N, C-alpha and C. Protein backbone atom coordinates (compact mmCIF):
# COMPACT_ATOMS: atom_id res chain seq x y z
N MET A 1 0.83 -1.16 0.02
CA MET A 1 -0.02 0.03 -0.12
C MET A 1 0.86 1.19 -0.01
N LYS A 2 0.52 2.12 -0.83
CA LYS A 2 1.32 3.41 -0.88
C LYS A 2 0.78 4.30 0.11
N LYS A 3 1.76 5.14 0.63
CA LYS A 3 1.31 6.23 1.54
C LYS A 3 0.94 7.44 0.83
N LEU A 4 0.04 8.20 1.43
CA LEU A 4 -0.40 9.46 0.83
C LEU A 4 -0.26 10.59 1.75
N LYS A 5 0.37 11.60 1.34
CA LYS A 5 0.40 12.96 2.09
C LYS A 5 -0.65 13.89 1.69
N TYR A 6 -1.24 14.58 2.70
CA TYR A 6 -2.28 15.48 2.24
C TYR A 6 -2.30 16.57 3.30
N THR A 7 -2.76 17.77 2.73
CA THR A 7 -2.86 18.97 3.57
C THR A 7 -4.23 19.57 3.33
N LEU A 8 -4.63 20.34 4.23
CA LEU A 8 -5.97 21.00 4.02
C LEU A 8 -5.83 22.05 3.34
N SER A 9 -7.05 22.44 2.51
CA SER A 9 -7.07 23.57 1.45
C SER A 9 -6.98 24.92 2.13
N LYS A 10 -6.48 25.89 1.46
CA LYS A 10 -6.40 27.18 1.95
C LYS A 10 -7.78 27.81 2.22
N LEU A 11 -8.66 27.24 1.77
CA LEU A 11 -10.13 27.64 2.16
C LEU A 11 -10.45 27.83 3.65
N PHE A 12 -9.56 27.00 4.42
CA PHE A 12 -9.77 26.96 5.94
C PHE A 12 -8.50 27.33 6.64
N PRO A 13 -8.18 28.60 6.70
CA PRO A 13 -7.01 29.01 7.33
C PRO A 13 -6.95 28.77 8.89
N ASP A 14 -8.18 28.57 9.53
CA ASP A 14 -8.34 28.43 10.94
C ASP A 14 -8.48 26.79 11.30
N GLY A 15 -8.43 25.94 10.23
CA GLY A 15 -8.66 24.56 10.40
C GLY A 15 -10.10 24.20 10.38
N LYS A 16 -10.44 22.97 10.27
CA LYS A 16 -11.74 22.46 9.95
C LYS A 16 -11.86 21.04 10.60
N THR A 17 -13.06 20.73 11.19
CA THR A 17 -13.31 19.20 11.73
C THR A 17 -14.28 18.61 10.58
N PHE A 18 -13.86 17.46 10.14
CA PHE A 18 -14.66 16.77 9.18
C PHE A 18 -14.82 15.45 9.79
N ARG A 19 -16.06 14.88 9.30
CA ARG A 19 -16.40 13.48 9.58
C ARG A 19 -15.92 12.46 8.64
N VAL A 20 -15.13 11.79 8.95
CA VAL A 20 -14.21 10.77 7.90
C VAL A 20 -14.39 9.45 8.36
N ASN A 21 -14.25 8.50 7.33
CA ASN A 21 -14.17 7.04 7.53
C ASN A 21 -12.72 6.66 7.82
N TYR A 22 -12.58 5.60 8.64
CA TYR A 22 -11.10 4.95 9.02
C TYR A 22 -11.44 3.49 9.11
N LEU A 23 -10.36 2.85 8.99
CA LEU A 23 -10.37 1.39 9.29
C LEU A 23 -9.96 1.07 10.72
N ASP A 24 -10.76 0.25 11.29
CA ASP A 24 -10.34 -0.19 12.70
C ASP A 24 -10.33 -1.77 12.54
N GLY A 25 -9.23 -2.30 12.29
CA GLY A 25 -9.19 -3.78 11.89
C GLY A 25 -9.58 -3.89 10.52
N ASN A 26 -10.73 -4.64 10.37
CA ASN A 26 -11.30 -4.84 9.17
C ASN A 26 -12.73 -4.15 9.04
N ILE A 27 -13.00 -3.29 9.95
CA ILE A 27 -14.28 -2.62 10.09
C ILE A 27 -14.06 -0.99 9.80
N VAL A 28 -14.94 -0.67 8.90
CA VAL A 28 -14.98 0.79 8.60
C VAL A 28 -15.84 1.55 9.59
N LYS A 29 -15.23 2.60 10.26
CA LYS A 29 -15.82 3.37 11.24
C LYS A 29 -15.78 4.78 10.85
N LEU A 30 -16.64 5.66 11.48
CA LEU A 30 -16.66 7.11 11.32
C LEU A 30 -16.19 7.73 12.64
N LYS A 31 -15.49 8.96 12.34
CA LYS A 31 -15.12 9.65 13.57
C LYS A 31 -14.89 11.15 13.15
N ASN A 32 -14.95 12.01 13.96
CA ASN A 32 -14.80 13.55 13.72
C ASN A 32 -13.25 13.81 13.89
N VAL A 33 -12.53 14.23 12.74
CA VAL A 33 -11.28 14.67 12.95
C VAL A 33 -10.95 15.99 12.60
N ARG A 34 -10.11 16.73 13.39
CA ARG A 34 -9.84 18.14 13.20
C ARG A 34 -8.51 18.26 12.44
N PHE A 35 -8.55 18.75 11.33
CA PHE A 35 -7.37 19.21 10.51
C PHE A 35 -6.96 20.58 10.51
N GLU A 36 -5.72 20.86 10.67
CA GLU A 36 -5.12 22.17 10.75
C GLU A 36 -4.56 22.62 9.51
N TYR A 37 -4.73 23.85 9.08
CA TYR A 37 -4.18 24.37 7.97
C TYR A 37 -2.64 24.59 8.09
N GLY A 38 -1.96 24.08 7.08
CA GLY A 38 -0.38 24.20 7.13
C GLY A 38 0.20 22.93 7.80
N SER A 39 -0.53 21.97 8.28
CA SER A 39 -0.05 20.71 8.77
C SER A 39 -0.15 19.74 7.53
N THR A 40 0.98 18.84 7.59
CA THR A 40 0.90 17.77 6.55
C THR A 40 0.61 16.45 7.32
N TYR A 41 -0.32 15.67 6.62
CA TYR A 41 -0.63 14.48 7.33
C TYR A 41 -0.24 13.36 6.36
N GLU A 42 -0.06 12.09 6.81
CA GLU A 42 0.31 11.01 6.13
C GLU A 42 -0.48 9.83 6.51
N THR A 43 -0.97 8.97 5.60
CA THR A 43 -1.68 7.86 5.81
C THR A 43 -1.59 6.65 4.87
N GLU A 44 -1.87 5.56 5.32
CA GLU A 44 -1.93 4.31 4.39
C GLU A 44 -3.46 3.83 4.42
N ASP A 45 -4.18 4.33 5.22
CA ASP A 45 -5.68 3.88 5.50
C ASP A 45 -6.48 4.12 4.27
N VAL A 46 -6.82 3.01 3.56
CA VAL A 46 -7.54 3.09 2.33
C VAL A 46 -9.05 3.76 2.64
N ALA A 47 -9.71 3.48 3.77
CA ALA A 47 -10.88 4.07 3.95
C ALA A 47 -10.71 5.63 4.22
N LEU A 48 -9.73 5.97 4.80
CA LEU A 48 -9.56 7.42 5.19
C LEU A 48 -9.24 8.13 3.83
N ILE A 49 -8.40 7.58 3.02
CA ILE A 49 -7.94 8.17 1.65
C ILE A 49 -9.13 8.38 0.94
N LYS A 50 -9.93 7.38 0.68
CA LYS A 50 -11.19 7.40 -0.08
C LYS A 50 -12.18 8.50 0.42
N SER A 51 -12.38 8.53 1.85
CA SER A 51 -13.13 9.49 2.51
C SER A 51 -12.68 11.00 2.22
N ILE A 52 -11.48 11.24 2.27
CA ILE A 52 -11.08 12.68 2.23
C ILE A 52 -10.94 13.19 0.80
N LYS A 53 -10.67 12.08 -0.09
CA LYS A 53 -10.59 12.55 -1.55
C LYS A 53 -12.04 12.88 -2.14
N GLY A 54 -12.97 12.47 -1.56
CA GLY A 54 -14.39 12.67 -1.83
C GLY A 54 -14.98 14.05 -1.36
N LEU A 55 -14.14 14.54 -0.35
CA LEU A 55 -14.71 15.98 0.15
C LEU A 55 -14.40 17.20 -0.87
N THR A 56 -15.49 17.68 -1.24
CA THR A 56 -15.47 18.86 -2.01
C THR A 56 -16.49 19.94 -1.61
N GLN A 57 -16.31 21.11 -2.12
CA GLN A 57 -17.15 22.11 -1.78
C GLN A 57 -17.47 22.95 -3.14
N ARG A 58 -18.85 23.36 -3.40
CA ARG A 58 -19.12 23.92 -4.72
C ARG A 58 -19.52 25.47 -4.34
N PHE A 59 -19.02 26.39 -5.19
CA PHE A 59 -19.41 27.55 -5.17
C PHE A 59 -20.16 28.20 -6.38
N PRO A 60 -20.93 29.22 -6.39
CA PRO A 60 -21.62 29.75 -7.71
C PRO A 60 -20.52 30.27 -8.51
N ASP A 61 -20.77 30.09 -9.78
CA ASP A 61 -19.64 30.59 -10.82
C ASP A 61 -20.02 31.94 -11.03
N ASN A 62 -19.14 32.74 -10.57
CA ASN A 62 -19.27 34.28 -10.84
C ASN A 62 -17.88 34.85 -10.78
N THR A 63 -17.73 36.14 -11.19
CA THR A 63 -16.36 36.62 -11.37
C THR A 63 -15.81 36.90 -9.88
N SER A 64 -16.71 37.02 -8.98
CA SER A 64 -16.15 37.50 -7.66
C SER A 64 -15.56 36.10 -7.02
N ASN A 65 -16.26 35.00 -7.10
CA ASN A 65 -15.90 33.88 -6.60
C ASN A 65 -14.56 33.27 -7.36
N ARG A 66 -14.48 33.38 -8.53
CA ARG A 66 -13.34 33.02 -9.39
C ARG A 66 -12.09 33.99 -9.00
N ALA A 67 -12.30 35.12 -8.82
CA ALA A 67 -11.29 36.09 -8.46
C ALA A 67 -10.69 35.74 -6.93
N TRP A 68 -11.65 35.46 -6.13
CA TRP A 68 -11.33 35.06 -4.60
C TRP A 68 -10.58 33.85 -4.55
N LEU A 69 -11.03 32.74 -5.34
CA LEU A 69 -10.22 31.56 -5.40
C LEU A 69 -8.98 31.68 -5.98
N ASP A 70 -8.80 32.45 -7.01
CA ASP A 70 -7.59 32.59 -7.63
C ASP A 70 -6.51 33.34 -6.80
N SER A 71 -7.11 34.40 -6.01
CA SER A 71 -6.16 35.21 -5.14
C SER A 71 -5.64 34.52 -4.07
N ILE A 72 -6.35 33.37 -3.33
CA ILE A 72 -5.85 32.54 -2.38
C ILE A 72 -5.19 31.36 -2.96
N GLY A 73 -5.11 31.25 -4.30
CA GLY A 73 -4.45 30.16 -4.92
C GLY A 73 -4.97 28.65 -4.79
N VAL A 74 -6.20 28.58 -4.84
CA VAL A 74 -6.96 27.35 -4.87
C VAL A 74 -7.47 27.04 -6.21
N THR A 75 -7.24 25.86 -6.62
CA THR A 75 -7.65 25.33 -7.95
C THR A 75 -9.17 24.88 -7.81
N TYR A 76 -9.84 25.18 -8.97
CA TYR A 76 -11.27 24.74 -8.97
C TYR A 76 -11.49 24.31 -10.38
N ASN A 77 -12.64 23.58 -10.37
CA ASN A 77 -13.10 23.08 -11.62
C ASN A 77 -14.51 23.43 -11.95
N PRO A 78 -14.87 24.05 -13.11
CA PRO A 78 -16.25 24.35 -13.38
C PRO A 78 -17.21 23.11 -13.71
N VAL A 79 -18.14 22.79 -12.99
CA VAL A 79 -18.93 21.60 -12.99
C VAL A 79 -20.46 21.97 -13.20
N PRO A 80 -21.23 21.19 -13.93
CA PRO A 80 -22.71 21.67 -14.07
C PRO A 80 -23.29 21.20 -12.63
N CYS A 81 -24.39 21.89 -12.32
CA CYS A 81 -24.97 21.63 -11.08
C CYS A 81 -25.83 20.46 -11.17
N GLN A 82 -25.76 19.46 -10.28
CA GLN A 82 -26.45 18.19 -10.47
C GLN A 82 -27.82 18.27 -9.91
N ALA A 83 -28.20 19.28 -9.11
CA ALA A 83 -29.66 19.38 -8.64
C ALA A 83 -30.65 20.03 -9.68
N CYS A 84 -30.01 20.81 -10.68
CA CYS A 84 -30.89 21.51 -11.45
C CYS A 84 -30.77 20.93 -12.98
N GLY A 85 -30.10 19.78 -13.21
CA GLY A 85 -29.88 19.21 -14.40
C GLY A 85 -28.90 19.94 -15.24
N GLY A 86 -28.02 20.71 -14.66
CA GLY A 86 -26.84 21.26 -15.49
C GLY A 86 -27.08 22.53 -16.01
N ARG A 87 -28.13 23.22 -15.65
CA ARG A 87 -28.38 24.55 -16.28
C ARG A 87 -27.48 25.46 -15.61
N VAL A 88 -27.06 25.40 -14.44
CA VAL A 88 -26.19 26.20 -13.74
C VAL A 88 -24.78 25.66 -13.60
N ILE A 89 -23.61 26.40 -13.77
CA ILE A 89 -22.35 26.01 -13.43
C ILE A 89 -21.91 26.37 -12.08
N LYS A 90 -21.20 25.27 -11.42
CA LYS A 90 -20.73 25.76 -10.08
C LYS A 90 -19.04 25.45 -10.10
N LEU A 91 -18.40 26.15 -9.26
CA LEU A 91 -17.00 25.98 -9.04
C LEU A 91 -16.79 24.93 -8.04
N GLU A 92 -16.24 23.81 -8.46
CA GLU A 92 -15.86 22.74 -7.45
C GLU A 92 -14.45 22.78 -6.92
N VAL A 93 -14.33 22.69 -5.59
CA VAL A 93 -13.06 22.82 -5.01
C VAL A 93 -12.82 21.57 -4.14
N HIS A 94 -11.54 20.93 -4.31
CA HIS A 94 -11.37 19.70 -3.45
C HIS A 94 -10.70 20.31 -2.18
N LEU A 95 -11.26 19.80 -1.01
CA LEU A 95 -10.88 20.43 0.28
C LEU A 95 -9.52 20.01 0.78
N PHE A 96 -8.80 18.99 0.08
CA PHE A 96 -7.40 18.66 0.54
C PHE A 96 -6.61 18.59 -0.68
N GLU A 97 -5.38 18.80 -0.58
CA GLU A 97 -4.30 18.61 -1.64
C GLU A 97 -3.54 17.43 -1.32
N PHE A 98 -3.21 16.58 -2.34
CA PHE A 98 -2.67 15.37 -2.10
C PHE A 98 -1.28 15.28 -2.86
N GLU A 99 -0.44 14.21 -2.19
CA GLU A 99 0.75 13.99 -2.87
C GLU A 99 1.24 12.51 -2.45
N GLU A 100 1.33 11.64 -3.41
CA GLU A 100 1.70 10.32 -3.13
C GLU A 100 3.20 10.14 -2.64
N VAL A 101 3.56 9.36 -1.71
CA VAL A 101 5.00 9.19 -1.18
C VAL A 101 5.52 7.99 -1.85
């Protein structure tokens, strides 16, 4: 199993608590974990990796949101809104940055 290093996105300079999955033996459990901005975390836990890779946040696509995300250096992807059938475009941001070790 490969190790994965990850850090919290610049969206949360004060840190953030997320409810994530983790493996306890062969059982997947949930727990609240506090992540601090600027700290680098490392794990081999497959359930935790899958859980944090799925954490995203969407913002309305407008010039002010694009300018704000660009100013703090956060990458985003324009995606169609799933709730309205794709009529509206949202800016999707991954909440963690990843690096394989």
